[in-house]
Amino acid sequence: MGQTIESVIKDKLCTGCGTCVSLCPNEALELTLDYEKGIYVPELNKERCIDCSVCYEVCPGSGIDFGGLSKEIFGKKPNNVLIGSYLNCYTGYATDRKIRYNSASGGLVTQLLIFALEAGIIDGALVTRMKTSETLKPEPFIARTKNEIIAASKSKYCPVPANLALSEILEEEGRFAVVGLPCHIQGVRKAERINKKLRERIVLHLGLFCSHASTFWATELFLQRIGVEKKEIVSLDYRGEGWPGFMKILLKDGTTKMLPLPLYWDFLGQDFLIPRRCLMCSDGLNELADLSFGDAWLPDFSNDNLGTSILIARSSAGKRLLKNAKSAGKIELNEIPPDKVIQSQLNMLYFKKKNVNSRIKLLRQKIRYDNTLKPNTLDYLFALFLCLNNYIFSKQTLRKCVRKIPMKVFHAYHFIPNLVYSKMTNDFVKKAML
């Protein structure tokens, strides 16, 4: 009898990416919303299951062999433990001011997809937009026009089952790009290992940087804190309107609420609103993508109100796309040393590379990574605080108590742990920048 996704779900290792649902040869899986946890989880129909183990083989949740996959994909093992395999690093943005202004950071992903579509490099792109019927839920789909690609721009700070749309790529002829978080790209790469059709049809993998996702509860509780009812929302964008951007909420009465990123992320980013599986991820920079993109959190761009992306070219296909788009005048690019990428993402890299193994051990999981650093005693102390918070507030009744707690109370509660974390990251900075 083959191993199924059930073991991953039992061990609470599911990322909710949707890969298993799309690749199941007998349609024995359905992605369902676990309302209590505020995440997506696959449900197995045992009567339809044929124990083929495909769902388990394509699952990124049980762990990733970064060294082996990097060698298969890029022809070499990662040349930097913090960045992964890379050819060049850049900062850049879309030359179309409207696209740049209305994206999360620089509009590069949107502009590159439009360029690839119009140049005939791809026939469509797996992207995600927010549903019109359920405004707080995401909808992965295959975009085939410029307008559809633009409709999917901006970040989505909620669980996204992007790889559900892989089923459409498997059903239709053509060449496609996929856009996703690290867990999505990991699922795609593992699926390509065993599915030739998928491997041939996906020609570009565009990956987004990710510190962690937020559960659906994060947005719902935040809306309750600011007095907005879900039923009154016409649309919600998490980013856009320049950089670092605003949450834009359009209401049925015609009014619009604009909330700056620092204000709402201060709550959405709280440790008790992170999916448990995110605490065990070592890949913040999307190490298996052809191109990886994130915000350019650097002093050089502190006065940039339009948006600039920082990106890593990892494959020849990715680098070629950048070169052609730049030659066509669609994007601006400036090469930077890899140290700049590290500098722009230091806190996230510490969380993913240095502190992750202490959390995995405390959560009693058997995941092993070959792209991490050894934790120390302070790492375990901070990890204990983080894991306890995540566990305590995993219960719906306790989680609802945070609706009216002032942010200054959260800040006071995190004061000492943040001092410890600051000490650890400062030491990490000194070593990382040597």
Protein backbone atom coordinates (compact mmCIF):
# COMPACT_ATOMS: atom_id res chain seq x y z
CA MET A 1 0.00 0.00 0.00
CA GLY A 2 1.41 3.38 -1.03
CA GLN A 3 1.86 6.38 1.21
CA THR A 4 -0.77 9.10 0.82
CA ILE A 5 -1.22 12.73 1.74
CA GLU A 6 -3.05 11.59 4.90
CA SER A 7 0.26 11.16 6.73
CA VAL A 8 1.20 14.76 5.89
CA ILE A 9 -2.15 16.04 7.14
CA LYS A 10 -1.89 13.97 10.32
CA ASP A 11 1.54 15.45 11.07
CA LYS A 12 0.18 18.98 10.35
CA LEU A 13 2.69 19.49 7.54
CA CYS A 14 0.28 20.42 4.74
CA THR A 15 0.99 23.79 3.09
CA GLY A 16 -2.43 23.99 1.43
CA CYS A 17 -0.80 24.55 -1.97
CA GLY A 18 -3.22 22.30 -3.92
CA THR A 19 -0.59 20.32 -5.85
CA CYS A 20 -1.87 16.95 -4.69
CA VAL A 21 -5.44 17.74 -5.77
CA SER A 22 -4.38 18.64 -9.33
CA LEU A 23 -2.02 15.66 -9.77
CA CYS A 24 -4.23 12.93 -8.29
CA PRO A 25 -4.93 10.57 -11.24
CA ASN A 26 -8.27 9.41 -9.84
CA GLU A 27 -9.65 12.73 -8.52
CA ALA A 28 -9.68 11.32 -5.00
CA LEU A 29 -8.73 14.61 -3.32
CA GLU A 30 -10.63 17.82 -2.66
CA LEU A 31 -9.25 20.95 -1.05
CA THR A 32 -11.46 22.09 1.82
CA LEU A 33 -11.38 25.07 4.17
CA ASP A 34 -10.57 24.21 7.77
CA TYR A 35 -12.53 27.04 9.37
CA GLU A 36 -11.11 26.45 12.85
CA LYS A 37 -7.53 26.93 11.63
CA GLY A 38 -8.28 29.37 8.81
CA ILE A 39 -6.35 27.37 6.20
CA TYR A 40 -6.95 25.00 3.28
CA VAL A 41 -6.47 21.25 3.79
CA PRO A 42 -6.99 18.38 1.28
CA GLU A 43 -9.58 15.73 2.04
CA LEU A 44 -9.04 12.19 0.78
CA ASN A 45 -11.89 10.09 -0.61
CA LYS A 46 -10.68 6.62 0.35
CA GLU A 47 -13.18 4.92 -1.94
CA ARG A 48 -11.63 6.61 -4.97
CA CYS A 49 -8.00 6.37 -3.77
CA ILE A 50 -5.89 3.77 -5.59
CA ASP A 51 -2.84 4.08 -3.29
CA CYS A 52 -0.58 5.29 -6.11
CA SER A 53 1.37 7.66 -3.79
CA VAL A 54 1.37 10.48 -6.38
CA CYS A 55 -0.15 12.90 -3.85
CA TYR A 56 2.64 12.19 -1.38
CA GLU A 57 5.40 12.36 -3.99
CA VAL A 58 4.39 15.84 -5.20
CA CYS A 59 3.75 17.25 -1.71
CA PRO A 60 6.18 19.96 -0.54
CA GLY A 61 4.89 19.68 3.04
CA SER A 62 6.87 16.63 4.09
CA GLY A 63 10.18 18.27 3.14
CA ILE A 64 12.30 19.33 0.18
CA ASP A 65 15.65 18.09 -1.09
CA PHE A 66 16.94 21.50 -2.11
CA GLY A 67 20.37 20.22 -3.08
CA GLY A 68 19.03 17.45 -5.30
CA LEU A 69 16.33 19.58 -6.93
CA SER A 70 18.75 22.47 -7.51
CA LYS A 71 21.15 20.11 -9.25
CA GLU A 72 18.36 18.79 -11.50
CA ILE A 73 16.96 22.24 -12.28
CA PHE A 74 20.05 24.47 -12.42
CA GLY A 75 22.77 21.91 -13.01
CA LYS A 76 24.48 22.68 -9.71
CA LYS A 77 23.93 22.62 -5.98
CA PRO A 78 23.11 25.95 -4.25
CA ASN A 79 26.14 28.24 -4.21
CA ASN A 80 24.91 30.28 -1.24
CA VAL A 81 23.13 28.86 1.81
CA LEU A 82 21.13 32.07 2.28
CA ILE A 83 20.21 32.78 -1.35
CA GLY A 84 20.37 29.36 -3.03
CA SER A 85 21.49 28.88 -6.63
CA TYR A 86 21.76 32.13 -8.59
CA LEU A 87 23.30 33.68 -11.69
CA ASN A 88 22.74 37.40 -11.03
CA CYS A 89 20.86 39.68 -8.65
CA TYR A 90 19.08 42.93 -9.57
CA THR A 91 16.78 45.72 -8.55
CA GLY A 92 14.22 46.87 -11.09
CA TYR A 93 10.73 47.96 -11.98
CA ALA A 94 8.19 48.10 -14.81
CA THR A 95 8.57 51.10 -17.11
CA ASP A 96 4.77 51.33 -17.39
CA ARG A 97 4.07 53.75 -14.52
CA LYS A 98 0.48 52.54 -14.04
CA ILE A 99 1.56 48.89 -13.68
CA ARG A 100 4.39 49.88 -11.34
CA TYR A 101 2.13 52.03 -9.12
CA ASN A 102 -0.68 49.49 -8.88
CA SER A 103 1.50 46.47 -8.05
CA ALA A 104 3.01 45.31 -4.77
CA SER A 105 6.58 46.44 -5.46
CA GLY A 106 7.73 47.62 -8.86
CA GLY A 107 5.36 45.60 -11.04
CA LEU A 108 8.09 43.38 -12.48
CA VAL A 109 6.14 40.12 -12.27
CA THR A 110 3.09 41.64 -13.96
CA GLN A 111 5.15 43.31 -16.69
CA LEU A 112 7.27 40.23 -17.40
CA LEU A 113 4.17 38.05 -17.74
CA ILE A 114 2.58 40.52 -20.14
CA PHE A 115 5.80 40.69 -22.16
CA ALA A 116 6.12 36.87 -22.26
CA LEU A 117 2.48 36.56 -23.38
CA GLU A 118 2.72 39.21 -26.10
CA ALA A 119 6.08 37.87 -27.33
CA GLY A 120 4.64 34.37 -27.72
CA ILE A 121 6.90 32.86 -25.04
CA ILE A 122 3.86 31.65 -23.12
CA ASP A 123 0.20 31.04 -23.91
CA GLY A 124 -0.96 31.69 -20.37
CA ALA A 125 0.11 32.17 -16.76
CA LEU A 126 -0.99 30.53 -13.53
CA VAL A 127 -1.78 33.50 -11.27
CA THR A 128 -4.18 34.37 -8.45
CA ARG A 129 -6.88 37.01 -8.04
CA MET A 130 -9.45 37.60 -5.32
CA LYS A 131 -12.92 36.18 -5.96
CA THR A 132 -15.76 38.54 -6.85
CA SER A 133 -18.36 36.38 -5.07
CA GLU A 134 -16.32 35.76 -1.89
CA THR A 135 -14.16 38.86 -1.65
CA LEU A 136 -11.78 37.55 1.03
CA LYS A 137 -10.95 34.29 -0.76
CA PRO A 138 -8.34 33.86 -3.52
CA GLU A 139 -8.95 32.31 -6.93
CA PRO A 140 -6.08 30.71 -8.85
CA PHE A 141 -6.62 30.64 -12.62
CA ILE A 142 -4.84 30.66 -15.98
CA ALA A 143 -4.58 34.23 -17.29
CA ARG A 144 -4.55 34.43 -21.08
CA THR A 145 -4.84 38.18 -21.67
CA LYS A 146 -3.04 41.32 -20.52
CA ASN A 147 -6.09 42.46 -18.53
CA GLU A 148 -6.35 39.12 -16.75
CA ILE A 149 -2.69 39.32 -15.75
CA ILE A 150 -3.17 42.86 -14.42
CA ALA A 151 -6.26 41.71 -12.48
CA ALA A 152 -4.04 39.21 -10.64
CA SER A 153 -1.37 41.74 -9.62
CA LYS A 154 -0.66 42.70 -5.99
CA SER A 155 0.06 40.42 -3.00
CA LYS A 156 -2.56 38.24 -1.32
CA TYR A 157 -1.96 37.97 2.43
CA CYS A 158 -4.11 34.89 2.98
CA PRO A 159 -3.89 31.14 2.20
CA VAL A 160 -3.61 30.65 -1.57
CA PRO A 161 -4.14 27.19 -3.16
CA ALA A 162 -2.42 28.32 -6.37
CA ASN A 163 -1.55 24.85 -7.65
CA LEU A 164 -5.19 23.89 -8.05
CA ALA A 165 -4.84 25.54 -11.48
CA LEU A 166 -2.19 22.98 -12.50
CA SER A 167 -5.07 20.74 -13.53
CA GLU A 168 -5.93 23.20 -16.29
CA ILE A 169 -2.33 23.18 -17.55
CA LEU A 170 -2.48 19.38 -17.68
CA GLU A 171 -5.70 19.48 -19.70
CA GLU A 172 -4.74 22.05 -22.33
CA GLU A 173 -1.94 22.34 -24.88
CA GLY A 174 0.42 25.28 -24.69
CA ARG A 175 3.32 26.82 -22.81
CA PHE A 176 2.76 28.36 -19.42
CA ALA A 177 4.33 30.41 -16.66
CA VAL A 178 3.50 29.78 -13.01
CA VAL A 179 3.64 32.38 -10.25
CA GLY A 180 3.70 31.35 -6.63
CA LEU A 181 5.14 31.38 -3.14
CA PRO A 182 8.00 29.01 -2.26
CA CYS A 183 5.65 26.14 -1.30
CA HIS A 184 3.80 26.49 -4.62
CA ILE A 185 6.99 26.41 -6.70
CA GLN A 186 8.30 23.49 -4.63
CA GLY A 187 5.09 21.57 -5.37
CA VAL A 188 5.37 22.36 -9.08
CA ARG A 189 9.00 21.21 -9.22
CA LYS A 190 8.20 17.95 -7.43
CA ALA A 191 5.23 17.37 -9.73
CA GLU A 192 7.41 17.98 -12.80
CA ARG A 193 9.69 15.20 -11.61
CA ILE A 194 6.97 12.60 -12.17
CA ASN A 195 4.79 14.24 -14.82
CA LYS A 196 6.39 14.78 -18.23
CA LYS A 197 3.44 16.75 -19.60
CA LEU A 198 3.70 19.30 -16.81
CA ARG A 199 7.47 19.49 -17.21
CA GLU A 200 7.14 20.26 -20.93
CA ARG A 201 4.32 22.79 -20.63
CA ILE A 202 5.65 24.95 -17.79
CA VAL A 203 8.46 27.04 -19.25
CA LEU A 204 8.77 29.76 -16.60
CA HIS A 205 8.61 29.63 -12.80
CA LEU A 206 8.28 33.07 -11.19
CA GLY A 207 8.65 32.91 -7.43
CA LEU A 208 7.69 35.44 -4.76
CA PHE A 209 9.68 36.01 -1.56
CA CYS A 210 7.74 34.92 1.52
CA SER A 211 8.40 35.25 5.25
CA HIS A 212 5.14 33.44 6.06
CA ALA A 213 1.50 33.38 5.06
CA SER A 214 -1.35 34.65 7.22
CA THR A 215 -4.44 32.61 8.01
CA PHE A 216 -7.91 33.74 6.94
CA TRP A 217 -8.44 34.63 10.59
CA ALA A 218 -5.78 37.34 10.31
CA THR A 219 -7.80 39.40 7.83
CA GLU A 220 -11.16 38.65 9.47
CA LEU A 221 -10.00 39.72 12.92
CA PHE A 222 -8.34 42.83 11.52
CA LEU A 223 -11.56 43.83 9.75
CA GLN A 224 -13.45 43.35 12.99
CA ARG A 225 -10.92 45.55 14.78
CA ILE A 226 -11.52 48.41 12.35
CA GLY A 227 -15.31 47.94 12.31
CA VAL A 228 -15.73 46.58 8.77
CA GLU A 229 -18.21 43.75 8.14
CA LYS A 230 -17.35 41.13 5.52
CA LYS A 231 -20.78 41.30 3.93
CA GLU A 232 -20.29 45.01 3.21
CA ILE A 233 -17.07 44.53 1.20
CA VAL A 234 -17.16 44.81 -2.59
CA SER A 235 -13.42 44.28 -3.06
CA LEU A 236 -10.24 44.16 -0.99
CA ASP A 237 -6.69 44.66 -2.26
CA TYR A 238 -3.83 43.99 0.14
CA ARG A 239 -1.25 46.05 -1.77
CA GLY A 240 -1.06 48.69 -4.50
CA GLU A 241 -1.40 52.47 -4.70
CA GLY A 242 2.35 53.04 -4.66
CA TRP A 243 4.96 51.69 -2.27
CA PRO A 244 4.99 50.27 0.32
CA GLY A 245 1.32 50.41 -0.47
CA PHE A 246 -2.13 50.36 1.07
CA MET A 247 -4.89 47.91 1.86
CA LYS A 248 -7.78 49.23 -0.22
CA ILE A 249 -11.29 48.23 0.87
CA LEU A 250 -14.22 49.21 -1.34
CA LEU A 251 -17.58 49.06 0.49
CA LYS A 252 -21.12 48.67 -0.81
CA ASP A 253 -22.05 52.17 0.35
CA GLY A 254 -19.51 53.55 -2.13
CA THR A 255 -16.87 54.51 0.43
CA THR A 256 -13.26 53.36 0.29
CA LYS A 257 -10.93 52.68 3.20
CA MET A 258 -7.17 53.09 2.61
CA LEU A 259 -4.90 51.59 5.26
CA PRO A 260 -1.09 51.85 4.97
CA LEU A 261 0.92 48.62 4.97
CA PRO A 262 2.69 49.21 8.34
CA LEU A 263 -0.69 49.70 10.06
CA TYR A 264 -2.37 46.47 8.96
CA TRP A 265 0.71 44.25 8.75
CA ASP A 266 1.47 45.07 12.38
CA PHE A 267 -1.56 42.89 13.12
CA LEU A 268 -1.65 40.45 10.18
CA GLY A 269 1.98 39.50 10.86
CA GLN A 270 1.39 38.49 14.49
CA ASP A 271 2.90 35.09 15.33
CA PHE A 272 -0.42 33.57 16.43
CA LEU A 273 -1.93 34.25 12.98
CA ILE A 274 0.71 32.27 11.08
CA PRO A 275 -0.19 28.80 9.73
CA ARG A 276 1.68 26.21 11.76
CA ARG A 277 3.42 24.79 8.67
CA CYS A 278 4.97 28.19 7.91
CA LEU A 279 6.97 27.87 11.14
CA MET A 280 8.80 24.93 9.56
CA CYS A 281 9.75 26.47 6.20
CA SER A 282 13.38 27.20 5.27
CA ASP A 283 12.74 28.82 1.88
CA GLY A 284 12.05 32.54 1.99
CA LEU A 285 13.63 33.53 -1.32
CA ASN A 286 11.90 30.93 -3.50
CA GLU A 287 15.08 29.00 -4.24
CA LEU A 288 13.64 26.71 -6.93
CA ALA A 289 12.17 29.44 -9.17
CA ASP A 290 13.69 30.67 -12.44
CA LEU A 291 13.27 34.21 -11.13
CA SER A 292 12.58 35.22 -7.52
CA PHE A 293 11.02 38.59 -6.58
CA GLY A 294 10.55 40.62 -3.42
CA ASP A 295 10.36 44.14 -1.98
CA ALA A 296 13.60 46.11 -2.09
CA TRP A 297 13.79 46.87 1.65
CA LEU A 298 17.02 48.85 1.33
CA PRO A 299 18.03 52.37 2.51
CA ASP A 300 18.61 53.26 -1.16
CA PHE A 301 14.85 53.09 -1.79
CA SER A 302 13.52 54.68 1.42
CA ASN A 303 12.10 57.60 -0.59
CA ASP A 304 10.71 55.46 -3.41
CA ASN A 305 6.93 55.86 -3.43
CA LEU A 306 6.33 53.98 -6.69
CA GLY A 307 7.95 50.63 -5.92
CA THR A 308 11.12 48.73 -6.78
CA SER A 309 11.60 44.99 -6.83
CA ILE A 310 14.68 43.08 -5.78
CA LEU A 311 15.12 39.91 -7.80
CA ILE A 312 17.32 36.88 -8.27
CA ALA A 313 17.90 35.29 -11.67
CA ARG A 314 18.55 31.60 -11.08
CA SER A 315 18.24 29.98 -14.52
CA SER A 316 19.23 30.80 -18.09
CA ALA A 317 15.53 30.92 -19.04
CA GLY A 318 14.88 33.51 -16.36
CA LYS A 319 17.90 35.59 -17.27
CA ARG A 320 16.95 35.47 -20.96
CA LEU A 321 13.46 36.76 -20.18
CA LEU A 322 14.93 39.69 -18.25
CA LYS A 323 17.35 40.54 -21.04
CA ASN A 324 14.65 40.50 -23.73
CA ALA A 325 12.16 42.52 -21.68
CA LYS A 326 14.80 45.12 -20.89
CA SER A 327 15.84 45.33 -24.56
CA ALA A 328 12.19 45.92 -25.45
CA GLY A 329 12.05 48.81 -22.98
CA LYS A 330 9.48 47.11 -20.75
CA ILE A 331 11.57 47.02 -17.57
CA GLU A 332 14.47 48.81 -15.90
CA LEU A 333 17.19 46.67 -14.28
CA ASN A 334 20.30 47.35 -12.24
CA GLU A 335 22.62 44.54 -11.24
CA ILE A 336 23.53 44.37 -7.56
CA PRO A 337 25.81 42.10 -5.49
CA PRO A 338 24.14 39.20 -3.65
CA ASP A 339 24.99 40.89 -0.34
CA LYS A 340 22.34 43.49 -1.14
CA VAL A 341 19.69 40.77 -1.40
CA ILE A 342 20.77 39.42 1.97
CA GLN A 343 20.74 42.91 3.49
CA SER A 344 17.22 43.59 2.20
CA GLN A 345 15.81 40.38 3.73
CA LEU A 346 17.91 39.85 6.86
CA ASN A 347 15.12 39.37 9.41
CA MET A 348 13.30 36.93 7.15
CA LEU A 349 16.51 35.04 6.33
CA TYR A 350 17.32 34.69 10.01
CA PHE A 351 13.81 33.36 10.65
CA LYS A 352 14.07 30.89 7.76
CA LYS A 353 17.70 29.80 7.87
CA LYS A 354 18.93 30.10 11.45
CA ASN A 355 15.88 29.80 13.70
CA VAL A 356 13.88 27.24 11.71
CA ASN A 357 15.54 24.06 13.01
CA SER A 358 14.86 25.01 16.62
CA ARG A 359 11.16 25.37 15.79
CA ILE A 360 11.11 22.06 13.92
CA LYS A 361 12.65 20.31 16.90
CA LEU A 362 10.27 21.92 19.40
CA LEU A 363 7.31 20.93 17.23
CA ARG A 364 8.69 17.35 17.14
CA GLN A 365 8.83 17.06 13.38
CA LYS A 366 11.22 14.95 11.34
CA ILE A 367 11.75 17.42 8.50
CA ARG A 368 15.39 17.79 7.52
CA TYR A 369 16.75 20.55 5.28
CA ASP A 370 20.11 20.87 3.57
CA ASN A 371 19.88 24.67 3.25
CA THR A 372 19.84 25.84 6.87
CA LEU A 373 22.20 26.91 9.65
CA LYS A 374 22.64 25.44 13.13
CA PRO A 375 20.56 27.11 15.89
CA ASN A 376 21.92 28.14 19.29
CA THR A 377 20.41 28.43 22.80
CA LEU A 378 18.85 31.84 22.13
CA ASP A 379 17.25 30.41 19.01
CA TYR A 380 15.48 27.79 21.10
CA LEU A 381 14.26 30.39 23.59
CA PHE A 382 12.74 32.55 20.88
CA ALA A 383 11.36 29.51 19.05
CA LEU A 384 9.67 28.33 22.26
CA PHE A 385 7.90 31.68 22.64
CA LEU A 386 6.81 31.63 19.00
CA CYS A 387 5.55 28.04 19.03
CA LEU A 388 3.64 28.52 22.29
CA ASN A 389 1.88 31.59 20.94
CA ASN A 390 0.97 29.78 17.77
CA TYR A 391 -0.43 26.84 19.72
CA ILE A 392 -2.33 28.81 22.37
CA PHE A 393 -4.15 30.98 19.85
CA SER A 394 -4.85 28.12 17.45
CA LYS A 395 -8.15 27.73 19.28
CA GLN A 396 -10.97 29.82 17.84
CA THR A 397 -12.35 30.93 21.20
CA LEU A 398 -8.99 32.29 22.39
CA ARG A 399 -8.16 33.81 19.00
CA LYS A 400 -11.34 35.89 19.03
CA CYS A 401 -10.21 37.52 22.26
CA VAL A 402 -7.58 39.49 20.35
CA ARG A 403 -10.18 41.49 18.40
CA LYS A 404 -10.19 44.38 20.86
CA ILE A 405 -6.75 44.17 22.45
CA PRO A 406 -4.80 47.39 21.69
CA MET A 407 -1.64 46.95 19.63
CA LYS A 408 0.42 48.52 22.43
CA VAL A 409 -0.48 45.49 24.57
CA PHE A 410 0.85 43.15 21.86
CA HIS A 411 4.01 45.26 21.64
CA ALA A 412 4.53 45.13 25.42
CA TYR A 413 3.95 41.35 25.43
CA HIS A 414 6.59 40.93 22.70
CA PHE A 415 9.07 43.43 24.19
CA ILE A 416 11.52 40.99 25.82
CA PRO A 417 11.27 38.32 23.08
CA ASN A 418 11.94 41.04 20.52
CA LEU A 419 15.04 42.12 22.43
CA VAL A 420 16.29 38.52 22.28
CA TYR A 421 15.44 38.35 18.58
CA SER A 422 17.22 41.66 17.94
CA LYS A 423 20.35 40.32 19.64
CA MET A 424 20.25 37.18 17.52
CA THR A 425 19.69 38.99 14.25
CA ASN A 426 22.45 41.52 14.97
CA ASP A 427 24.93 38.67 15.47
CA PHE A 428 23.58 37.03 12.31
CA VAL A 429 24.02 40.28 10.36
CA LYS A 430 27.67 40.52 11.27
CA LYS A 431 28.37 36.96 10.12
CA ALA A 432 26.16 37.12 7.02
CA MET A 433 27.74 40.30 5.73
CA LEU A 434 31.35 39.10 6.13
